[in-house]
Amino acid sequence: MYVLLIFSSILILCANGGLTVKCPETPSKWCETKEIAQACNDYKILISGLSTLEEELTWFENKLKEKNINIEDIKPLPANLNYQNWINELISSKKSYLSLITTYYAIEICYYQAWKSVKNRDYQEYADRWGSKEFEQYIDQLRVSVDNASITASDDDKNDASHLWNTIMEFEIDFWNMAINETS
C-alpha cells in the first residue's frame, strides 16, 4: 500500500506540476526540466514496480481468503495508522523528485531487508517472495535512481531527502515492532 501511494504520487506530481519545478504543459516537453527528466530516465524502473502491483494485491487477497480474513474486519494498529497518515501528508506536499524517489527506495529496502532476514519457516513463503534475488535487483535499481537524482539536486533537496529517509526508518521500526508484537 505504501509503495503504491509513493509511486503514484511520483507519477501524479510529474503529471500535475506538483514537483518543486513547474512541469511543462505538454508531454513532449516533460523531459526538458531537471527533475522531470530524472523521472523520465527512471520510468522503466518505476513502471516495472507499478506493473507488479496488480499481482501483489491479488496475492494478498488470496492469502486473506486462505486464512478466512475479511479485509473490512481488519483494524489498523496505531503504528500503522501513523505511518499511513504521514505518507498521506507527504503525498499532498510539494517535494523534489529526489525526496520522492528516496522515500520510495527507503520503504522498499526496509521491506526487502526485513523479509530477507526472516528465519522462521512459518513465513518462508513471504521471505522467499520479498527477500528474493529479483527484488534485491529492483532495490539496487532504485538505489541507482536515488544516486543519480542526488547528483543534480540542491543541498536543500538533499537535506530534505535525508530527513525523509530518517523519518521512514523511524516509522519502519515502529511498523515492524508492531507486526512482530501485534501492539502499538
C-alpha atoms as a PDB file:
ATOM      1  CA  MET A   1       0.000   0.000   0.000  1.00  0.00           C
ATOM      2  CA  TYR A   2       2.768   2.430   0.906  1.00  0.00           C
ATOM      3  CA  VAL A   3       4.629   1.683  -2.292  1.00  0.00           C
ATOM      4  CA  LEU A   4       1.529   2.328  -4.358  1.00  0.00           C
ATOM      5  CA  LEU A   5       0.990   5.655  -2.602  1.00  0.00           C
ATOM      6  CA  ILE A   6       4.572   6.806  -3.092  1.00  0.00           C
ATOM      7  CA  PHE A   7       4.822   5.553  -6.649  1.00  0.00           C
ATOM      8  CA  SER A   8       1.518   7.043  -7.694  1.00  0.00           C
ATOM      9  CA  SER A   9       2.477  10.321  -6.050  1.00  0.00           C
ATOM     10  CA  ILE A  10       5.634  10.476  -8.163  1.00  0.00           C
ATOM     11  CA  LEU A  11       3.595   9.981 -11.331  1.00  0.00           C
ATOM     12  CA  ILE A  12       0.816  12.336 -10.266  1.00  0.00           C
ATOM     13  CA  LEU A  13       3.244  15.036  -9.214  1.00  0.00           C
ATOM     14  CA  CYS A  14       5.060  14.751 -12.524  1.00  0.00           C
ATOM     15  CA  ALA A  15       1.831  15.000 -14.492  1.00  0.00           C
ATOM     16  CA  ASN A  16       0.175  17.727 -12.412  1.00  0.00           C
ATOM     17  CA  GLY A  17       3.039  20.081 -11.687  1.00  0.00           C
ATOM     18  CA  GLY A  18       3.346  19.199  -8.007  1.00  0.00           C
ATOM     19  CA  LEU A  19       7.105  18.886  -8.014  1.00  0.00           C
ATOM     20  CA  THR A  20       9.104  21.875  -6.864  1.00  0.00           C
ATOM     21  CA  VAL A  21       9.719  22.746 -10.524  1.00  0.00           C
ATOM     22  CA  LYS A  22       6.985  23.825 -12.928  1.00  0.00           C
ATOM     23  CA  CYS A  23       6.008  20.887 -15.099  1.00  0.00           C
ATOM     24  CA  PRO A  24       5.621  21.680 -18.794  1.00  0.00           C
ATOM     25  CA  GLU A  25       2.086  21.788 -20.142  1.00  0.00           C
ATOM     26  CA  THR A  26       2.670  19.292 -22.960  1.00  0.00           C
ATOM     27  CA  PRO A  27       4.020  15.764 -22.540  1.00  0.00           C
ATOM     28  CA  SER A  28       6.568  16.339 -25.302  1.00  0.00           C
ATOM     29  CA  LYS A  29       8.315  18.856 -23.036  1.00  0.00           C
ATOM     30  CA  TRP A  30       8.105  16.893 -19.764  1.00  0.00           C
ATOM     31  CA  CYS A  31      11.667  15.648 -20.001  1.00  0.00           C
ATOM     32  CA  GLU A  32      13.168  19.098 -20.525  1.00  0.00           C
ATOM     33  CA  THR A  33      13.345  20.084 -16.838  1.00  0.00           C
ATOM     34  CA  LYS A  34      15.865  18.558 -14.438  1.00  0.00           C
ATOM     35  CA  GLU A  35      13.507  16.718 -12.091  1.00  0.00           C
ATOM     36  CA  ILE A  36      11.072  15.607 -14.761  1.00  0.00           C
ATOM     37  CA  ALA A  37      13.982  14.416 -16.895  1.00  0.00           C
ATOM     38  CA  GLN A  38      15.188  12.327 -13.950  1.00  0.00           C
ATOM     39  CA  ALA A  39      11.755  10.729 -13.622  1.00  0.00           C
ATOM     40  CA  CYS A  40      11.729  10.111 -17.378  1.00  0.00           C
ATOM     41  CA  ASN A  41      15.096   8.381 -17.089  1.00  0.00           C
ATOM     42  CA  ASP A  42      13.713   6.185 -14.325  1.00  0.00           C
ATOM     43  CA  TYR A  43      10.401   5.399 -15.983  1.00  0.00           C
ATOM     44  CA  LYS A  44      11.315   1.771 -16.751  1.00  0.00           C
ATOM     45  CA  ILE A  45      12.155   1.096 -13.115  1.00  0.00           C
ATOM     46  CA  LEU A  46       9.032   2.885 -11.876  1.00  0.00           C
ATOM     47  CA  ILE A  47       6.768   1.171 -14.405  1.00  0.00           C
ATOM     48  CA  SER A  48       8.204  -2.243 -13.536  1.00  0.00           C
ATOM     49  CA  GLY A  49       7.337  -1.557  -9.896  1.00  0.00           C
ATOM     50  CA  LEU A  50       3.849  -0.452 -10.805  1.00  0.00           C
ATOM     51  CA  SER A  51       3.321  -3.439 -13.093  1.00  0.00           C
ATOM     52  CA  THR A  52       3.771  -5.846 -10.171  1.00  0.00           C
ATOM     53  CA  LEU A  53       1.135  -4.201  -8.010  1.00  0.00           C
ATOM     54  CA  GLU A  54      -1.892  -5.956  -9.502  1.00  0.00           C
ATOM     55  CA  GLU A  55      -0.280  -9.350  -8.979  1.00  0.00           C
ATOM     56  CA  GLU A  56       0.796  -8.344  -5.447  1.00  0.00           C
ATOM     57  CA  LEU A  57      -2.694  -7.202  -4.496  1.00  0.00           C
ATOM     58  CA  THR A  58      -4.230 -10.382  -5.912  1.00  0.00           C
ATOM     59  CA  TRP A  59      -1.690 -12.443  -3.954  1.00  0.00           C
ATOM     60  CA  PHE A  60      -2.598 -10.591  -0.725  1.00  0.00           C
ATOM     61  CA  GLU A  61      -6.322 -11.035  -1.382  1.00  0.00           C
ATOM     62  CA  ASN A  62      -5.784 -14.773  -1.889  1.00  0.00           C
ATOM     63  CA  LYS A  63      -3.798 -15.010   1.354  1.00  0.00           C
ATOM     64  CA  LEU A  64      -6.631 -13.308   3.219  1.00  0.00           C
ATOM     65  CA  LYS A  65      -9.143 -15.734   1.685  1.00  0.00           C
ATOM     66  CA  GLU A  66      -6.954 -18.731   2.612  1.00  0.00           C
ATOM     67  CA  LYS A  67      -6.953 -17.536   6.214  1.00  0.00           C
ATOM     68  CA  ASN A  68     -10.671 -16.609   6.160  1.00  0.00           C
ATOM     69  CA  ILE A  69      -9.896 -12.971   6.936  1.00  0.00           C
ATOM     70  CA  ASN A  70     -12.237 -10.253   5.748  1.00  0.00           C
ATOM     71  CA  ILE A  71     -10.199  -7.134   4.986  1.00  0.00           C
ATOM     72  CA  GLU A  72     -13.091  -4.980   6.234  1.00  0.00           C
ATOM     73  CA  ASP A  73     -12.659  -6.561   9.687  1.00  0.00           C
ATOM     74  CA  ILE A  74      -9.012  -5.548   9.993  1.00  0.00           C
ATOM     75  CA  LYS A  75      -8.461  -2.647  12.353  1.00  0.00           C
ATOM     76  CA  PRO A  76      -5.100  -0.971  11.721  1.00  0.00           C
ATOM     77  CA  LEU A  77      -2.965  -0.513  14.803  1.00  0.00           C
ATOM     78  CA  PRO A  78      -1.700   2.964  15.791  1.00  0.00           C
ATOM     79  CA  ALA A  79       1.803   2.476  14.363  1.00  0.00           C
ATOM     80  CA  ASN A  80       0.283   1.565  11.009  1.00  0.00           C
ATOM     81  CA  LEU A  81      -2.175   4.469  11.091  1.00  0.00           C
ATOM     82  CA  ASN A  82       0.595   6.917  11.982  1.00  0.00           C
ATOM     83  CA  TYR A  83       2.656   5.710   9.023  1.00  0.00           C
ATOM     84  CA  GLN A  84      -0.340   5.911   6.675  1.00  0.00           C
ATOM     85  CA  ASN A  85      -1.192   9.433   7.824  1.00  0.00           C
ATOM     86  CA  TRP A  86       2.404  10.573   7.374  1.00  0.00           C
ATOM     87  CA  ILE A  87       2.511   9.166   3.840  1.00  0.00           C
ATOM     88  CA  ASN A  88      -0.790  10.855   3.000  1.00  0.00           C
ATOM     89  CA  GLU A  89       0.653  14.163   4.218  1.00  0.00           C
ATOM     90  CA  LEU A  90       3.830  13.579   2.216  1.00  0.00           C
ATOM     91  CA  ILE A  91       1.860  12.938  -0.956  1.00  0.00           C
ATOM     92  CA  SER A  92      -0.081  16.170  -0.575  1.00  0.00           C
ATOM     93  CA  SER A  93       3.104  18.195  -0.068  1.00  0.00           C
ATOM     94  CA  LYS A  94       5.383  19.504  -2.776  1.00  0.00           C
ATOM     95  CA  LYS A  95       8.592  17.500  -2.738  1.00  0.00           C
ATOM     96  CA  SER A  96      11.501  17.167  -5.096  1.00  0.00           C
ATOM     97  CA  TYR A  97      11.969  14.096  -7.207  1.00  0.00           C
ATOM     98  CA  LEU A  98      14.975  13.189  -5.045  1.00  0.00           C
ATOM     99  CA  SER A  99      12.787  13.271  -1.930  1.00  0.00           C
ATOM    100  CA  LEU A 100      10.068  11.120  -3.505  1.00  0.00           C
ATOM    101  CA  ILE A 101      12.385   8.525  -5.062  1.00  0.00           C
ATOM    102  CA  THR A 102      14.351   8.369  -1.790  1.00  0.00           C
ATOM    103  CA  THR A 103      11.117   7.753   0.101  1.00  0.00           C
ATOM    104  CA  TYR A 104      10.119   5.000  -2.294  1.00  0.00           C
ATOM    105  CA  TYR A 105      13.573   3.410  -2.088  1.00  0.00           C
ATOM    106  CA  ALA A 106      13.642   3.614   1.716  1.00  0.00           C
ATOM    107  CA  ILE A 107      10.296   1.846   2.061  1.00  0.00           C
ATOM    108  CA  GLU A 108      11.244  -0.856  -0.425  1.00  0.00           C
ATOM    109  CA  ILE A 109      14.679  -1.541   1.037  1.00  0.00           C
ATOM    110  CA  CYS A 110      13.213  -1.852   4.530  1.00  0.00           C
ATOM    111  CA  TYR A 111      10.679  -4.370   3.275  1.00  0.00           C
ATOM    112  CA  TYR A 112      13.376  -6.320   1.459  1.00  0.00           C
ATOM    113  CA  GLN A 113      15.817  -6.317   4.393  1.00  0.00           C
ATOM    114  CA  ALA A 114      13.122  -7.341   6.851  1.00  0.00           C
ATOM    115  CA  TRP A 115      11.935 -10.299   4.802  1.00  0.00           C
ATOM    116  CA  LYS A 116      15.424 -11.321   3.760  1.00  0.00           C
ATOM    117  CA  SER A 117      16.356 -11.750   7.412  1.00  0.00           C
ATOM    118  CA  VAL A 118      13.357 -13.921   8.385  1.00  0.00           C
ATOM    119  CA  LYS A 119      14.418 -17.331   9.652  1.00  0.00           C
ATOM    120  CA  ASN A 120      11.037 -18.619  10.873  1.00  0.00           C
ATOM    121  CA  ARG A 121       9.920 -21.394   8.490  1.00  0.00           C
ATOM    122  CA  ASP A 122       6.266 -20.407   9.066  1.00  0.00           C
ATOM    123  CA  TYR A 123       6.957 -17.291   6.994  1.00  0.00           C
ATOM    124  CA  GLN A 124       9.176 -18.885   4.356  1.00  0.00           C
ATOM    125  CA  GLU A 125       6.758 -18.156   1.508  1.00  0.00           C
ATOM    126  CA  TYR A 126       6.833 -14.453   2.372  1.00  0.00           C
ATOM    127  CA  ALA A 127      10.592 -14.407   2.875  1.00  0.00           C
ATOM    128  CA  ASP A 128      11.121 -16.123  -0.475  1.00  0.00           C
ATOM    129  CA  ARG A 129       8.875 -13.605  -2.162  1.00  0.00           C
ATOM    130  CA  TRP A 130      10.290 -10.365  -0.738  1.00  0.00           C
ATOM    131  CA  GLY A 131      13.781 -11.482   0.134  1.00  0.00           C
ATOM    132  CA  SER A 132      14.383 -12.758  -3.393  1.00  0.00           C
ATOM    133  CA  LYS A 133      17.276 -12.003  -5.691  1.00  0.00           C
ATOM    134  CA  GLU A 134      14.831 -10.407  -8.163  1.00  0.00           C
ATOM    135  CA  PHE A 135      13.533  -8.000  -5.539  1.00  0.00           C
ATOM    136  CA  GLU A 136      17.111  -7.245  -4.499  1.00  0.00           C
ATOM    137  CA  GLN A 137      17.913  -6.324  -8.100  1.00  0.00           C
ATOM    138  CA  TYR A 138      14.914  -3.997  -8.189  1.00  0.00           C
ATOM    139  CA  ILE A 139      16.104  -2.369  -4.947  1.00  0.00           C
ATOM    140  CA  ASP A 140      19.558  -1.900  -6.496  1.00  0.00           C
ATOM    141  CA  GLN A 141      17.976  -0.148  -9.484  1.00  0.00           C
ATOM    142  CA  LEU A 142      16.107   2.185  -7.155  1.00  0.00           C
ATOM    143  CA  ARG A 143      19.360   2.945  -5.312  1.00  0.00           C
ATOM    144  CA  VAL A 144      20.970   3.936  -8.614  1.00  0.00           C
ATOM    145  CA  SER A 145      17.993   6.214  -9.304  1.00  0.00           C
ATOM    146  CA  VAL A 146      18.456   7.888  -5.916  1.00  0.00           C
ATOM    147  CA  ASP A 147      22.191   8.271  -6.536  1.00  0.00           C
ATOM    148  CA  ASN A 148      21.569   9.772  -9.966  1.00  0.00           C
ATOM    149  CA  ALA A 149      18.927  12.162  -8.653  1.00  0.00           C
ATOM    150  CA  SER A 150      21.374  13.265  -5.949  1.00  0.00           C
ATOM    151  CA  ILE A 151      23.956  14.382  -8.494  1.00  0.00           C
ATOM    152  CA  THR A 152      21.989  17.410  -9.654  1.00  0.00           C
ATOM    153  CA  ALA A 153      19.865  18.005  -6.537  1.00  0.00           C
ATOM    154  CA  SER A 154      20.217  21.155  -4.472  1.00  0.00           C
ATOM    155  CA  ASP A 155      21.580  20.998  -0.946  1.00  0.00           C
ATOM    156  CA  ASP A 156      18.076  21.725   0.368  1.00  0.00           C
ATOM    157  CA  ASP A 157      16.655  18.797  -1.591  1.00  0.00           C
ATOM    158  CA  LYS A 158      19.445  16.519  -0.334  1.00  0.00           C
ATOM    159  CA  ASN A 159      18.762  17.601   3.247  1.00  0.00           C
ATOM    160  CA  ASP A 160      15.032  17.016   2.779  1.00  0.00           C
ATOM    161  CA  ALA A 161      15.644  13.561   1.300  1.00  0.00           C
ATOM    162  CA  SER A 162      17.943  12.713   4.210  1.00  0.00           C
ATOM    163  CA  HIS A 163      15.314  13.879   6.695  1.00  0.00           C
ATOM    164  CA  LEU A 164      12.660  11.784   4.937  1.00  0.00           C
ATOM    165  CA  TRP A 165      14.980   8.764   4.994  1.00  0.00           C
ATOM    166  CA  ASN A 166      15.429   9.107   8.753  1.00  0.00           C
ATOM    167  CA  THR A 167      11.703   9.600   9.305  1.00  0.00           C
ATOM    168  CA  ILE A 168      10.904   6.486   7.295  1.00  0.00           C
ATOM    169  CA  MET A 169      13.409   4.460   9.300  1.00  0.00           C
ATOM    170  CA  GLU A 170      11.599   5.509  12.487  1.00  0.00           C
ATOM    171  CA  PHE A 171       8.213   4.572  11.011  1.00  0.00           C
ATOM    172  CA  GLU A 172       9.593   1.261   9.749  1.00  0.00           C
ATOM    173  CA  ILE A 173      10.993   0.375  13.172  1.00  0.00           C
ATOM    174  CA  ASP A 174       7.598   1.117  14.713  1.00  0.00           C
ATOM    175  CA  PHE A 175       5.827  -0.803  11.939  1.00  0.00           C
ATOM    176  CA  TRP A 176       7.946  -3.941  12.272  1.00  0.00           C
ATOM    177  CA  ASN A 177       7.812  -3.842  16.065  1.00  0.00           C
ATOM    178  CA  MET A 178       4.031  -3.618  15.724  1.00  0.00           C
ATOM    179  CA  ALA A 179       3.973  -6.512  13.249  1.00  0.00           C
ATOM    180  CA  ILE A 180       6.102  -8.690  15.488  1.00  0.00           C
ATOM    181  CA  ASN A 181       4.392  -7.798  18.745  1.00  0.00           C
ATOM    182  CA  GLU A 182       0.893  -7.039  17.372  1.00  0.00           C
ATOM    183  CA  THR A 183       0.727  -3.916  19.523  1.00  0.00           C
ATOM    184  CA  SER A 184       1.178  -0.141  19.190  1.00  0.00           C
END
